[in-house]
Amino acid sequence: MQVKIQLLDCTLRDGAYIVNGEFGTPAIRGIIRRMQDANVELVECGWLKDSRHKEGTTFYHLPSDLEPYLSGKNSHTTYVAMIDWDRYDLENLPYYDGNSVDAIRVVFPKDHFKEGIALADQIKEKGYQVYLQAANTLGYNEEELIALAREVNEAHPVALSVVDTFGAMYWDDLDRIITVLDRHLSPEIGLGFHSHNNQQLSFALTMQFIEKLTKLGRNVIVDSSLCGMGRGAGNATTELVANYLNRKYNGNYDLDIIMDAIDMYMGYFTEHYSWGYSIPYFISGMYCAHVNNIAYLQKNHRTNARAMRHVIGALPEEDRKKYDYDLLEQKYLEYQNKVVDDEMVLKSLKEEIGDREVLLLLPGKSLTEQEEVIRGYIESSKPYIIGINAVFGQYPYDALFFSNTVRYDYAKEVYPTLFYANQRIVASNIKTEAEENEMVVNFNHLIKRGWEHFDNSGMMCLRLLNKLHICRVAMAGFDGFEDAYSESYADISLPHINPGKKWEELNEEIRDMFQDFKKTTADYMTIRFITASKYDI
C-alpha cells in the first residue's frame, strides 16, 4: 500500500483556546482559504458546540454556521470540525450535504474511550467521515492500548490520533504507543499525532512519528498550527512541518501561501496573546499536569517556577491530569504555610529600628537617576535603610528585605559581598531556617489577598513595618512601571518577576493596594516619597 502522509492544520480549533474562538471573520475566512490553497489536506475549522454560533468565532452550533467562512470548497481539502465526546448533542448534527464540513473529529478522555468511540457510528450514519482523537494517550498502558485499538477497529474511522496532551512524551514513549497500536489496528486505519510543545519536542517528535509510520507502511496524519498557536505550550508549527514534508517526503505545500497567511492574520494574535514554550508549561509537561493547573497558580498566586514545581509535584499523579482547584489551593497553602514563629524576630527588629524613620529603597530607576537627592536625604535624616528585593552598591543599608526567591538568589550570586555584609529580612516563602545574619518573618503575615499581585515586595515590607508599629516611612524607587522593562528598573538585569506586559493594569492594582494600606494606617503612619511615584496620589 502506498503510504499517504497528510497535514492537518488546527489553528482555528486549538488556537480557539487562546482567543476564546474570537478570531474574527476575516481571519477565519482567510486562514481556511490559504490553507486549502497551500494544499494542506485537512483544515480543522473549529468546534461544534451546544450553543448558538456567534459571528466571527470558530465555535459553531451547526455545520451550516461555517458556510459563510468558506470561499469555495475544493476536492483536495477535507474540512473538519471537532466535538468533545460529551459536549455536543448529535441530534443537532444534520445529514451531510457537502456544503460545509466533511469530517467530524471526536476527542475523548482515557476513562471514556468506549463512549467516545461509540459516537463514530452515529456520525457516519449521517454521512460524515470520522476521525478519533485519544486524549492523553501517554496514560494508556499496553493492555489499555490494545483495548483502544479493538474498539477503534469496530468503529473503523479514517484515522486515530495519538495525543500528547501534556507535552510529556519522549521518543521512547511515542514509539511504545505507535508499536502497540500499529500491531493491533486494522491496516487501513491511519494513525495521527497531535503534539504539545511543553518540552520543546513537538516538531522533533512529529518528524520521528512520520519516519516511523512510513516505515511501517501506515497512513499518517500530523497536526500543526500556524506559529504553533494552541493552548499552553502550543503545537508543532504548520510552517515547519510543511517545509519538512516538502524537503523529505516530496510534499506539495505552497510555503509562500502559508507565509502570507502568517503575515496577514497571525501578527495580531502573536502581538496580543501568548502561547508556546515557557518554564511553567515545561513544569506541566514534566509532571503530566493539566495546563489549567498552571494557569490557576499563575493567575491567583503569581507562583514562581520553583514553588510551582513543588505544588504541582505534591498533587497525586492522577489529580495532576485534572484541574481540581480546591485541591490545588490546598496544596498551594500547604507549601506557602511554612509557619515560622517570628515573634522574637519582630521584637528584635522593632528594638533595632527604635524611633528612627525608615527609608525603603525599592529598585525603580529613580535610585540611579535621583541618587544625589536620595543621598542628601540620607545624610540629613539618618533613617533606618531597608533595601527591597535588590542591592545597589552606592547606598548604605541597615537591612535587606527579600520576598522573592529569584531576587534573593540573584542578589546572593551577583553581589555576594553586599549580600552577606548586610542583615537580611527574609519572608518564609523563601526559607524557614535563617542563615547567619538573617531574620525570617512569616510570609502570610505580610500579605493581604484580593489582588492578583498581592505579593508586591514594597507592599509586603510596608505591612511588616505596620506590624512593628513604625510611625514614619520614606520611600524611594517606588516609581511604578513604564511600558518597557528597561525603563522601570535601575538594574535592567534584575530578574523579571511580573509576568505579562500589562504595565498600566499592574500600576492600577498596586496603586489600589497602596491606597487601601494607607486607609488602615492613616492614624499613626506617615509615608512620604523621596522620589516621584505613580502611586503618590
Protein backbone atom coordinates (compact mmCIF):
# COMPACT_ATOMS: atom_id res chain seq x y z
CA MET A 1 0.00 0.00 0.00
CA GLN A 2 1.25 3.46 -0.92
CA VAL A 3 1.67 5.38 2.34
CA LYS A 4 -0.26 8.64 2.43
CA ILE A 5 1.10 11.49 4.56
CA GLN A 6 -1.36 14.26 5.34
CA LEU A 7 -1.10 17.52 7.22
CA LEU A 8 -3.95 18.77 9.40
CA ASP A 9 -3.87 22.45 10.30
CA CYS A 10 -5.65 23.01 13.64
CA THR A 11 -5.01 26.76 14.05
CA LEU A 12 -8.70 27.69 14.20
CA ARG A 13 -9.54 24.85 16.59
CA ASP A 14 -6.62 24.63 19.03
CA GLY A 15 -5.97 28.36 18.74
CA ALA A 16 -9.53 28.92 19.91
CA TYR A 17 -8.32 28.22 23.45
CA ILE A 18 -6.13 31.31 23.21
CA VAL A 19 -8.72 33.76 21.87
CA ASN A 20 -11.93 32.10 23.08
CA GLY A 21 -12.65 31.31 19.45
CA GLU A 22 -12.80 35.01 18.57
CA PHE A 23 -10.56 35.10 15.51
CA GLY A 24 -12.84 37.44 13.60
CA THR A 25 -14.50 36.76 10.26
CA PRO A 26 -11.60 37.96 8.04
CA ALA A 27 -9.06 35.74 9.83
CA ILE A 28 -11.31 32.67 9.85
CA ARG A 29 -12.14 33.04 6.17
CA GLY A 30 -8.57 33.93 5.24
CA ILE A 31 -6.86 31.11 7.17
CA ILE A 32 -9.22 28.47 5.74
CA ARG A 33 -8.76 29.79 2.20
CA ARG A 34 -5.00 29.98 2.41
CA MET A 35 -4.62 26.57 3.99
CA GLN A 36 -6.68 25.00 1.21
CA ASP A 37 -4.78 26.98 -1.43
CA ALA A 38 -1.46 25.88 0.13
CA ASN A 39 -2.56 22.23 -0.43
CA VAL A 40 -2.96 21.39 3.27
CA GLU A 41 -5.01 18.20 3.13
CA LEU A 42 -7.12 18.71 6.27
CA VAL A 43 -8.23 22.06 7.69
CA GLU A 44 -9.79 21.94 11.14
CA CYS A 45 -12.15 24.88 11.10
CA GLY A 46 -13.15 24.90 14.76
CA TRP A 47 -15.52 23.27 17.24
CA LEU A 48 -19.13 22.15 17.16
CA LYS A 49 -20.75 23.24 20.42
CA ASP A 50 -24.16 23.02 22.06
CA SER A 51 -24.63 26.78 21.87
CA ARG A 52 -25.61 29.32 19.27
CA HIS A 53 -22.86 30.42 16.90
CA LYS A 54 -21.51 33.93 17.41
CA GLU A 55 -20.32 35.51 14.19
CA GLY A 56 -16.53 35.78 13.97
CA THR A 57 -15.86 32.82 16.23
CA THR A 58 -14.80 29.25 15.50
CA PHE A 59 -17.43 27.80 17.83
CA TYR A 60 -20.28 26.58 15.60
CA HIS A 61 -23.61 25.04 16.52
CA LEU A 62 -24.41 23.56 13.12
CA PRO A 63 -22.12 22.80 10.18
CA SER A 64 -24.09 25.37 8.18
CA ASP A 65 -22.74 28.07 10.52
CA LEU A 66 -19.40 27.52 8.84
CA GLU A 67 -20.61 28.10 5.28
CA PRO A 68 -20.12 31.91 5.28
CA TYR A 69 -16.41 31.38 6.07
CA LEU A 70 -15.76 29.03 3.14
CA SER A 71 -14.55 30.63 -0.06
CA GLY A 72 -15.23 27.82 -2.47
CA LYS A 73 -14.59 24.30 -1.26
CA ASN A 74 -12.20 22.21 -3.27
CA SER A 75 -11.88 18.47 -3.74
CA HIS A 76 -8.35 18.05 -2.35
CA THR A 77 -9.15 19.54 1.07
CA THR A 78 -11.06 17.85 3.88
CA TYR A 79 -12.81 20.38 6.13
CA VAL A 80 -13.03 19.21 9.74
CA ALA A 81 -14.82 20.24 12.93
CA MET A 82 -14.12 18.77 16.36
CA ILE A 83 -16.58 17.70 19.03
CA ASP A 84 -15.84 16.85 22.63
CA TRP A 85 -17.33 13.41 23.23
CA ASP A 86 -19.86 14.55 25.85
CA ARG A 87 -20.37 18.21 24.93
CA TYR A 88 -22.25 18.04 21.66
CA ASP A 89 -25.69 16.55 21.10
CA LEU A 90 -25.50 14.58 17.85
CA GLU A 91 -29.27 15.01 17.48
CA ASN A 92 -28.37 18.52 16.30
CA LEU A 93 -26.00 17.26 13.60
CA PRO A 94 -27.77 17.33 10.21
CA TYR A 95 -27.09 14.87 7.42
CA TYR A 96 -24.02 15.66 5.32
CA ASP A 97 -24.81 17.89 2.35
CA GLY A 98 -21.30 18.70 1.10
CA ASN A 99 -21.65 22.43 1.71
CA SER A 100 -19.69 22.64 4.94
CA VAL A 101 -17.53 20.26 6.99
CA ASP A 102 -16.73 16.89 5.51
CA ALA A 103 -15.48 15.23 8.68
CA ILE A 104 -16.04 15.23 12.42
CA ARG A 105 -13.17 14.60 14.81
CA VAL A 106 -14.16 13.24 18.22
CA VAL A 107 -11.86 13.79 21.19
CA PHE A 108 -12.34 11.65 24.27
CA PRO A 109 -10.54 11.04 27.59
CA LYS A 110 -9.00 7.72 28.54
CA ASP A 111 -11.68 6.94 31.13
CA HIS A 112 -14.42 7.23 28.49
CA PHE A 113 -12.77 5.96 25.32
CA LYS A 114 -15.54 3.43 24.66
CA GLU A 115 -18.25 6.08 24.92
CA GLY A 116 -16.27 8.46 22.71
CA ILE A 117 -15.60 5.86 20.03
CA ALA A 118 -19.26 4.77 20.11
CA LEU A 119 -20.22 8.15 18.60
CA ALA A 120 -18.49 7.21 15.35
CA ASP A 121 -21.39 5.09 14.08
CA GLN A 122 -23.91 7.89 14.62
CA ILE A 123 -21.69 10.37 12.80
CA LYS A 124 -21.02 8.02 9.88
CA GLU A 125 -24.74 7.30 9.54
CA LYS A 126 -25.19 10.99 8.82
CA GLY A 127 -22.64 10.85 6.02
CA TYR A 128 -19.53 12.39 7.57
CA GLN A 129 -16.03 10.99 7.73
CA VAL A 130 -14.91 10.27 11.28
CA TYR A 131 -11.55 10.88 12.93
CA LEU A 132 -10.88 9.90 16.54
CA GLN A 133 -8.53 11.58 19.00
CA ALA A 134 -7.44 9.78 22.19
CA ALA A 135 -6.57 12.45 24.74
CA ASN A 136 -3.57 11.72 26.99
CA THR A 137 -2.56 8.63 25.05
CA LEU A 138 0.56 8.51 27.23
CA GLY A 139 -1.69 7.45 30.11
CA TYR A 140 -2.63 4.16 28.40
CA ASN A 141 -0.65 1.05 29.31
CA GLU A 142 -0.17 -1.75 26.75
CA GLU A 143 -3.32 -3.61 27.70
CA GLU A 144 -5.37 -0.42 27.50
CA LEU A 145 -3.86 0.46 24.11
CA ILE A 146 -4.89 -2.94 22.79
CA ALA A 147 -8.42 -2.42 24.11
CA LEU A 148 -8.45 1.03 22.49
CA ALA A 149 -7.35 -0.43 19.14
CA ARG A 150 -10.07 -3.10 19.24
CA GLU A 151 -12.79 -0.52 19.84
CA VAL A 152 -11.40 1.68 17.06
CA ASN A 153 -11.38 -1.27 14.66
CA GLU A 154 -15.09 -1.76 15.34
CA ALA A 155 -15.81 1.91 14.65
CA HIS A 156 -13.50 1.96 11.61
CA PRO A 157 -12.72 5.70 11.41
CA VAL A 158 -10.42 7.24 8.82
CA ALA A 159 -7.74 7.62 11.50
CA LEU A 160 -6.97 7.56 15.20
CA SER A 161 -4.74 10.30 16.59
CA VAL A 162 -2.23 9.83 19.37
CA VAL A 163 -2.37 12.92 21.62
CA ASP A 164 0.47 14.17 23.79
CA THR A 165 -1.97 16.16 25.92
CA PHE A 166 0.55 17.33 28.50
CA GLY A 167 3.56 17.65 26.21
CA ALA A 168 5.22 15.00 28.36
CA MET A 169 6.32 12.44 25.79
CA TYR A 170 9.85 11.48 24.85
CA TRP A 171 10.54 9.40 21.77
CA ASP A 172 10.53 6.07 23.63
CA ASP A 173 7.03 6.89 24.93
CA LEU A 174 5.70 7.67 21.48
CA ASP A 175 7.48 4.69 19.95
CA ARG A 176 5.88 2.36 22.52
CA ILE A 177 2.41 3.68 21.71
CA ILE A 178 2.90 3.50 17.94
CA THR A 179 4.27 -0.03 18.09
CA VAL A 180 1.31 -1.38 20.07
CA LEU A 181 -1.35 0.46 18.07
CA ASP A 182 0.18 -0.47 14.71
CA ARG A 183 0.21 -4.13 15.72
CA HIS A 184 -3.48 -4.14 16.68
CA LEU A 185 -5.15 -1.53 14.45
CA SER A 186 -6.66 -2.53 11.13
CA PRO A 187 -4.07 -1.66 8.46
CA GLU A 188 -6.35 0.72 6.54
CA ILE A 189 -6.92 2.97 9.59
CA GLY A 190 -4.46 5.82 9.63
CA LEU A 191 -2.52 6.98 12.69
CA GLY A 192 -2.27 10.63 13.58
CA PHE A 193 -0.23 12.63 16.06
CA HIS A 194 -1.23 15.78 17.93
CA SER A 195 1.67 17.19 19.94
CA HIS A 196 2.20 19.92 22.52
CA ASN A 197 5.45 21.79 22.90
CA ASN A 198 5.93 21.79 26.68
CA GLN A 199 9.40 20.27 26.39
CA GLN A 200 10.41 21.84 23.03
CA LEU A 201 9.95 18.43 21.37
CA SER A 202 6.78 18.95 19.34
CA PHE A 203 8.42 19.28 15.92
CA ALA A 204 11.09 16.67 16.66
CA LEU A 205 8.52 14.08 17.74
CA THR A 206 6.37 14.91 14.71
CA MET A 207 9.30 14.18 12.39
CA GLN A 208 10.08 10.92 14.17
CA PHE A 209 6.41 9.93 14.06
CA ILE A 210 6.30 10.41 10.30
CA GLU A 211 9.50 8.43 9.79
CA LYS A 212 8.29 5.55 11.97
CA LEU A 213 4.84 5.32 10.34
CA THR A 214 6.15 5.44 6.78
CA LYS A 215 8.50 2.55 7.58
CA LEU A 216 5.55 0.62 9.00
CA GLY A 217 3.56 1.33 5.84
CA ARG A 218 0.63 3.02 7.57
CA ASN A 219 -1.11 6.23 6.53
CA VAL A 220 0.00 9.26 8.53
CA ILE A 221 -1.80 12.42 9.67
CA VAL A 222 0.09 15.03 11.68
CA ASP A 223 -1.45 18.07 13.36
CA SER A 224 0.11 21.51 13.33
CA SER A 225 -0.92 25.15 13.62
CA LEU A 226 0.33 28.44 12.25
CA CYS A 227 3.07 29.78 14.54
CA GLY A 228 2.29 26.82 16.81
CA MET A 229 -0.84 28.59 18.07
CA GLY A 230 -2.56 26.46 20.69
CA ARG A 231 -3.39 26.13 24.35
CA GLY A 232 -0.48 26.40 26.78
CA ALA A 233 2.79 25.48 25.13
CA GLY A 234 1.17 25.28 21.71
CA ASN A 235 1.69 22.75 18.93
CA ALA A 236 4.03 21.80 16.13
CA THR A 237 4.09 24.67 13.64
CA THR A 238 2.45 24.30 10.23
CA GLU A 239 5.23 26.20 8.51
CA LEU A 240 7.96 23.92 9.90
CA VAL A 241 6.10 20.66 9.26
CA ALA A 242 5.09 21.68 5.74
CA ASN A 243 8.66 22.61 4.87
CA TYR A 244 9.92 19.31 6.31
CA LEU A 245 7.42 17.29 4.29
CA ASN A 246 8.33 19.21 1.14
CA ARG A 247 12.03 18.54 1.57
CA LYS A 248 11.96 14.96 2.86
CA TYR A 249 8.75 13.38 1.54
CA ASN A 250 8.03 15.17 -1.76
CA GLY A 251 5.29 17.27 -0.22
CA ASN A 252 3.41 19.79 -2.31
CA TYR A 253 2.72 22.53 0.22
CA ASP A 254 2.96 26.12 -1.00
CA LEU A 255 5.16 27.83 1.58
CA ASP A 256 4.56 31.26 0.04
CA ILE A 257 0.84 30.98 0.71
CA ILE A 258 1.48 29.72 4.25
CA MET A 259 3.79 32.68 4.86
CA ASP A 260 1.11 35.01 3.50
CA ALA A 261 -1.37 33.55 5.99
CA ILE A 262 1.07 34.23 8.83
CA ASP A 263 1.83 37.77 7.64
CA MET A 264 -1.81 38.69 7.11
CA TYR A 265 -3.56 37.01 10.01
CA MET A 266 -1.19 35.90 12.74
CA GLY A 267 0.58 39.17 13.57
CA TYR A 268 -2.28 40.50 15.69
CA PHE A 269 -2.53 37.28 17.69
CA THR A 270 1.21 36.94 18.30
CA GLU A 271 1.31 40.55 19.48
CA HIS A 272 -1.70 40.46 21.78
CA TYR A 273 -1.72 36.87 23.06
CA SER A 274 0.90 34.46 24.31
CA TRP A 275 1.44 30.73 23.88
CA GLY A 276 4.39 28.45 23.32
CA TYR A 277 7.23 27.06 25.39
CA SER A 278 7.70 28.54 28.83
CA ILE A 279 9.02 27.33 32.17
CA PRO A 280 5.52 26.94 33.69
CA TYR A 281 4.41 24.79 30.76
CA PHE A 282 7.64 22.82 30.96
CA ILE A 283 6.59 22.02 34.55
CA SER A 284 3.20 20.95 33.20
CA GLY A 285 4.96 18.58 30.82
CA MET A 286 7.37 17.35 33.49
CA TYR A 287 4.50 16.20 35.71
CA CYS A 288 1.86 15.36 33.06
CA ALA A 289 -0.26 18.11 34.61
CA HIS A 290 -3.24 19.81 33.01
CA VAL A 291 -2.41 23.33 31.84
CA ASN A 292 -5.37 24.74 33.79
CA ASN A 293 -3.44 23.99 36.99
CA ILE A 294 -0.58 26.15 35.73
CA ALA A 295 -2.93 28.94 34.70
CA TYR A 296 -4.61 28.88 38.13
CA LEU A 297 -1.32 29.19 40.01
CA GLN A 298 -0.14 31.99 37.74
CA LYS A 299 -3.36 34.00 37.93
CA ASN A 300 -4.27 33.51 41.56
CA HIS A 301 -0.87 33.32 43.24
CA ARG A 302 1.78 34.59 40.79
CA THR A 303 3.66 31.42 41.70
CA ASN A 304 7.32 31.35 40.75
CA ALA A 305 8.83 28.37 38.93
CA ARG A 306 10.28 26.67 41.99
CA ALA A 307 7.09 26.93 44.01
CA MET A 308 5.01 25.84 41.03
CA ARG A 309 7.13 22.71 40.60
CA HIS A 310 6.69 21.77 44.26
CA VAL A 311 2.94 22.48 44.31
CA ILE A 312 2.23 20.51 41.12
CA GLY A 313 4.59 17.76 42.28
CA ALA A 314 2.66 17.49 45.56
CA LEU A 315 -0.56 16.60 43.74
CA PRO A 316 -1.36 12.88 43.47
CA GLU A 317 -0.44 11.64 39.99
CA GLU A 318 -4.00 11.16 38.77
CA ASP A 319 -5.11 14.53 40.14
CA ARG A 320 -2.44 16.34 38.12
CA LYS A 321 -4.26 15.42 34.94
CA LYS A 322 -7.43 17.11 36.16
CA TYR A 323 -7.98 20.60 37.47
CA ASP A 324 -9.42 20.31 40.95
CA TYR A 325 -8.90 23.89 42.08
CA ASP A 326 -9.88 23.20 45.69
CA LEU A 327 -7.19 20.52 45.94
CA LEU A 328 -4.69 22.72 44.13
CA GLU A 329 -5.38 25.58 46.52
CA GLN A 330 -4.93 23.22 49.45
CA LYS A 331 -1.52 22.09 48.14
CA TYR A 332 -0.51 25.68 47.48
CA LEU A 333 -1.38 26.73 51.01
CA GLU A 334 0.45 23.72 52.44
CA TYR A 335 3.52 24.84 50.52
CA GLN A 336 3.23 28.50 51.48
CA ASN A 337 2.20 27.90 55.08
CA LYS A 338 5.71 27.26 56.23
CA VAL A 339 4.78 28.83 59.51
CA VAL A 340 7.63 30.29 61.48
CA ASP A 341 7.48 31.71 64.95
CA ASP A 342 8.72 35.22 64.21
CA GLU A 343 7.67 36.87 67.50
CA MET A 344 11.25 37.25 68.75
CA VAL A 345 12.46 38.35 65.31
CA LEU A 346 9.85 41.12 65.16
CA LYS A 347 10.66 42.23 68.71
CA SER A 348 14.36 42.38 67.92
CA LEU A 349 13.78 44.29 64.69
CA LYS A 350 11.49 46.78 66.45
CA GLU A 351 14.17 47.45 69.10
CA GLU A 352 16.83 47.84 66.43
CA ILE A 353 14.84 50.46 64.48
CA GLY A 354 13.72 52.32 67.57
CA ASP A 355 12.06 55.65 66.78
CA ARG A 356 14.02 56.31 63.58
CA GLU A 357 12.28 56.98 60.29
CA VAL A 358 12.55 54.01 57.93
CA LEU A 359 13.64 54.51 54.33
CA LEU A 360 12.63 51.83 51.85
CA LEU A 361 14.85 51.66 48.76
CA LEU A 362 12.91 49.91 46.02
CA PRO A 363 14.54 49.00 42.70
CA GLY A 364 12.92 51.66 40.49
CA LYS A 365 15.02 53.61 38.01
CA SER A 366 14.96 56.74 40.18
CA LEU A 367 17.51 55.07 42.51
CA THR A 368 20.17 55.88 39.91
CA GLU A 369 18.60 58.95 38.32
CA GLN A 370 17.93 60.69 41.67
CA GLU A 371 20.93 59.39 43.60
CA GLU A 372 22.03 62.85 44.73
CA VAL A 373 18.57 63.63 46.13
CA ILE A 374 18.38 60.31 47.96
CA ARG A 375 21.87 60.55 49.41
CA GLY A 376 21.11 64.09 50.57
CA TYR A 377 18.03 62.86 52.39
CA ILE A 378 20.01 60.02 53.99
CA GLU A 379 22.68 62.43 55.18
CA SER A 380 20.20 64.84 56.74
CA SER A 381 17.63 62.42 58.22
CA LYS A 382 19.79 59.43 59.24
CA PRO A 383 16.98 56.91 58.56
CA TYR A 384 16.99 53.16 59.06
CA ILE A 385 17.53 51.95 55.49
CA ILE A 386 15.97 48.77 54.07
CA GLY A 387 16.73 47.61 50.52
CA ILE A 388 13.77 45.86 48.88
CA ASN A 389 14.46 42.74 46.80
CA ALA A 390 17.62 44.28 45.32
CA VAL A 391 21.07 45.59 46.23
CA PHE A 392 22.72 48.77 44.95
CA GLY A 393 26.31 49.45 45.96
CA GLN A 394 26.03 53.24 46.17
CA TYR A 395 23.76 53.10 49.20
CA PRO A 396 24.37 52.04 52.82
CA TYR A 397 21.86 49.55 54.22
CA ASP A 398 20.78 48.58 57.68
CA ALA A 399 18.90 45.58 56.30
CA LEU A 400 17.85 43.92 53.05
CA PHE A 401 14.28 42.65 52.66
CA PHE A 402 13.59 39.72 50.34
CA SER A 403 10.19 38.30 49.45
CA ASN A 404 11.07 36.53 46.21
CA THR A 405 13.35 33.52 45.77
CA VAL A 406 14.67 34.60 42.37
CA ARG A 407 15.62 38.07 43.60
CA TYR A 408 17.17 36.60 46.75
CA ASP A 409 19.33 34.21 44.72
CA TYR A 410 20.24 36.93 42.21
CA ALA A 411 21.50 39.29 44.94
CA LYS A 412 23.45 36.48 46.60
CA GLU A 413 25.14 35.43 43.35
CA VAL A 414 25.73 38.80 41.67
CA TYR A 415 26.50 40.95 44.72
CA PRO A 416 27.82 38.43 47.30
CA THR A 417 29.89 40.95 49.28
CA LEU A 418 26.96 43.32 49.85
CA PHE A 419 24.54 40.45 50.33
CA TYR A 420 26.50 38.80 53.14
CA ALA A 421 27.66 42.06 54.73
CA ASN A 422 24.12 43.22 55.41
CA GLN A 423 21.47 41.89 57.73
CA ARG A 424 18.71 40.19 55.74
CA ILE A 425 14.98 40.04 56.47
CA VAL A 426 13.62 37.04 54.57
CA ALA A 427 9.96 36.07 54.06
CA SER A 428 9.18 32.45 54.91
CA ASN A 429 8.05 31.63 51.36
CA ILE A 430 11.80 31.73 50.54
CA LYS A 431 13.06 29.76 53.54
CA THR A 432 12.09 28.83 57.06
CA GLU A 433 15.56 28.39 58.57
CA ALA A 434 17.68 31.52 58.93
CA GLU A 435 21.32 31.59 57.94
CA GLU A 436 23.85 33.77 59.74
CA ASN A 437 22.82 37.42 59.77
CA GLU A 438 19.24 36.62 58.70
CA MET A 439 15.79 37.09 60.19
CA VAL A 440 12.89 35.00 58.86
CA VAL A 441 9.42 36.55 59.01
CA ASN A 442 6.10 34.85 58.30
CA PHE A 443 5.01 35.31 54.69
CA ASN A 444 1.31 35.09 55.47
CA HIS A 445 1.56 38.00 57.92
CA LEU A 446 2.90 40.26 55.17
CA ILE A 447 0.24 39.82 52.51
CA LYS A 448 -3.36 40.80 52.00
CA ARG A 449 -5.19 38.88 49.32
CA GLY A 450 -7.73 40.39 46.96
CA TRP A 451 -5.39 41.49 44.19
CA GLU A 452 -3.62 39.44 41.53
CA HIS A 453 -0.20 40.84 42.50
CA PHE A 454 -0.84 40.75 46.23
CA ASP A 455 2.78 39.80 46.92
CA ASN A 456 4.28 43.08 45.70
CA SER A 457 7.51 43.47 47.68
CA GLY A 458 7.02 47.12 48.55
CA MET A 459 3.58 46.45 49.96
CA MET A 460 4.84 43.42 51.89
CA CYS A 461 7.56 45.47 53.55
CA LEU A 462 5.07 48.21 54.43
CA ARG A 463 2.92 45.58 56.14
CA LEU A 464 5.97 44.37 58.03
CA LEU A 465 6.59 47.91 59.26
CA ASN A 466 2.94 48.17 60.20
CA LYS A 467 3.32 45.07 62.40
CA LEU A 468 6.31 46.80 64.03
CA HIS A 469 4.19 49.94 64.63
CA ILE A 470 6.65 52.14 62.73
CA CYS A 471 5.27 55.67 62.54
CA ARG A 472 7.43 57.34 59.87
CA VAL A 473 8.29 55.78 56.49
CA ALA A 474 10.01 57.27 53.47
CA MET A 475 10.19 55.58 50.06
CA ALA A 476 12.49 55.92 47.07
CA GLY A 477 12.49 53.85 43.89
CA PHE A 478 8.78 53.03 44.23
CA ASP A 479 8.39 54.59 40.81
CA GLY A 480 5.77 52.48 39.09
CA PHE A 481 6.08 50.57 35.84
CA GLU A 482 6.73 52.07 32.44
CA ASP A 483 5.97 50.48 29.08
CA ALA A 484 9.40 48.86 28.80
CA TYR A 485 11.18 46.80 31.43
CA SER A 486 14.41 48.75 30.91
CA GLU A 487 12.58 51.99 31.74
CA SER A 488 11.27 50.67 35.05
CA TYR A 489 14.30 49.32 36.91
CA ALA A 490 17.61 50.79 38.00
CA ASP A 491 19.23 47.42 37.31
CA ILE A 492 17.89 46.18 33.96
CA SER A 493 19.43 42.76 34.62
CA LEU A 494 17.28 42.31 37.71
CA PRO A 495 15.19 39.13 37.17
CA HIS A 496 11.69 39.84 35.94
CA ILE A 497 9.04 38.64 38.41
CA ASN A 498 5.96 40.33 36.94
CA PRO A 499 4.65 38.13 34.08
CA GLY A 500 2.91 39.81 31.17
CA LYS A 501 3.15 43.29 29.73
CA LYS A 502 0.03 44.95 31.09
CA TRP A 503 2.05 47.58 32.90
CA GLU A 504 -0.72 50.12 33.43
CA GLU A 505 -3.06 47.48 34.83
CA LEU A 506 -0.28 46.49 37.22
CA ASN A 507 0.20 50.13 38.22
CA GLU A 508 -3.52 50.49 38.89
CA GLU A 509 -3.50 47.39 41.06
CA ILE A 510 -0.50 48.47 43.15
CA ARG A 511 -1.98 51.96 43.44
CA ASP A 512 -5.19 50.42 44.78
CA MET A 513 -3.26 48.24 47.25
CA PHE A 514 -1.26 51.25 48.43
CA GLN A 515 -4.35 53.40 48.96
CA ASP A 516 -6.04 50.55 50.82
CA PHE A 517 -2.99 50.23 53.08
CA LYS A 518 -2.88 53.97 53.79
CA LYS A 519 -6.52 53.96 54.89
CA THR A 520 -5.79 51.38 57.56
CA THR A 521 -2.67 53.14 58.87
CA ALA A 522 -3.63 56.80 58.45
CA ASP A 523 -3.91 57.43 62.19
CA TYR A 524 -0.31 56.59 63.03
CA MET A 525 1.89 56.00 59.95
CA THR A 526 3.03 58.81 57.68
CA ILE A 527 4.52 57.88 54.31
CA ARG A 528 6.48 60.31 52.17
CA PHE A 529 8.12 59.87 48.79
CA ILE A 530 11.73 60.95 48.27
CA THR A 531 11.45 60.26 44.54
CA ALA A 532 8.39 60.62 42.31
CA SER A 533 5.97 57.71 42.30
CA LYS A 534 2.93 56.80 40.22
CA TYR A 535 1.33 55.69 43.48
CA ASP A 536 1.63 59.05 45.27
CA ILE A 537 -1.89 60.40 44.89
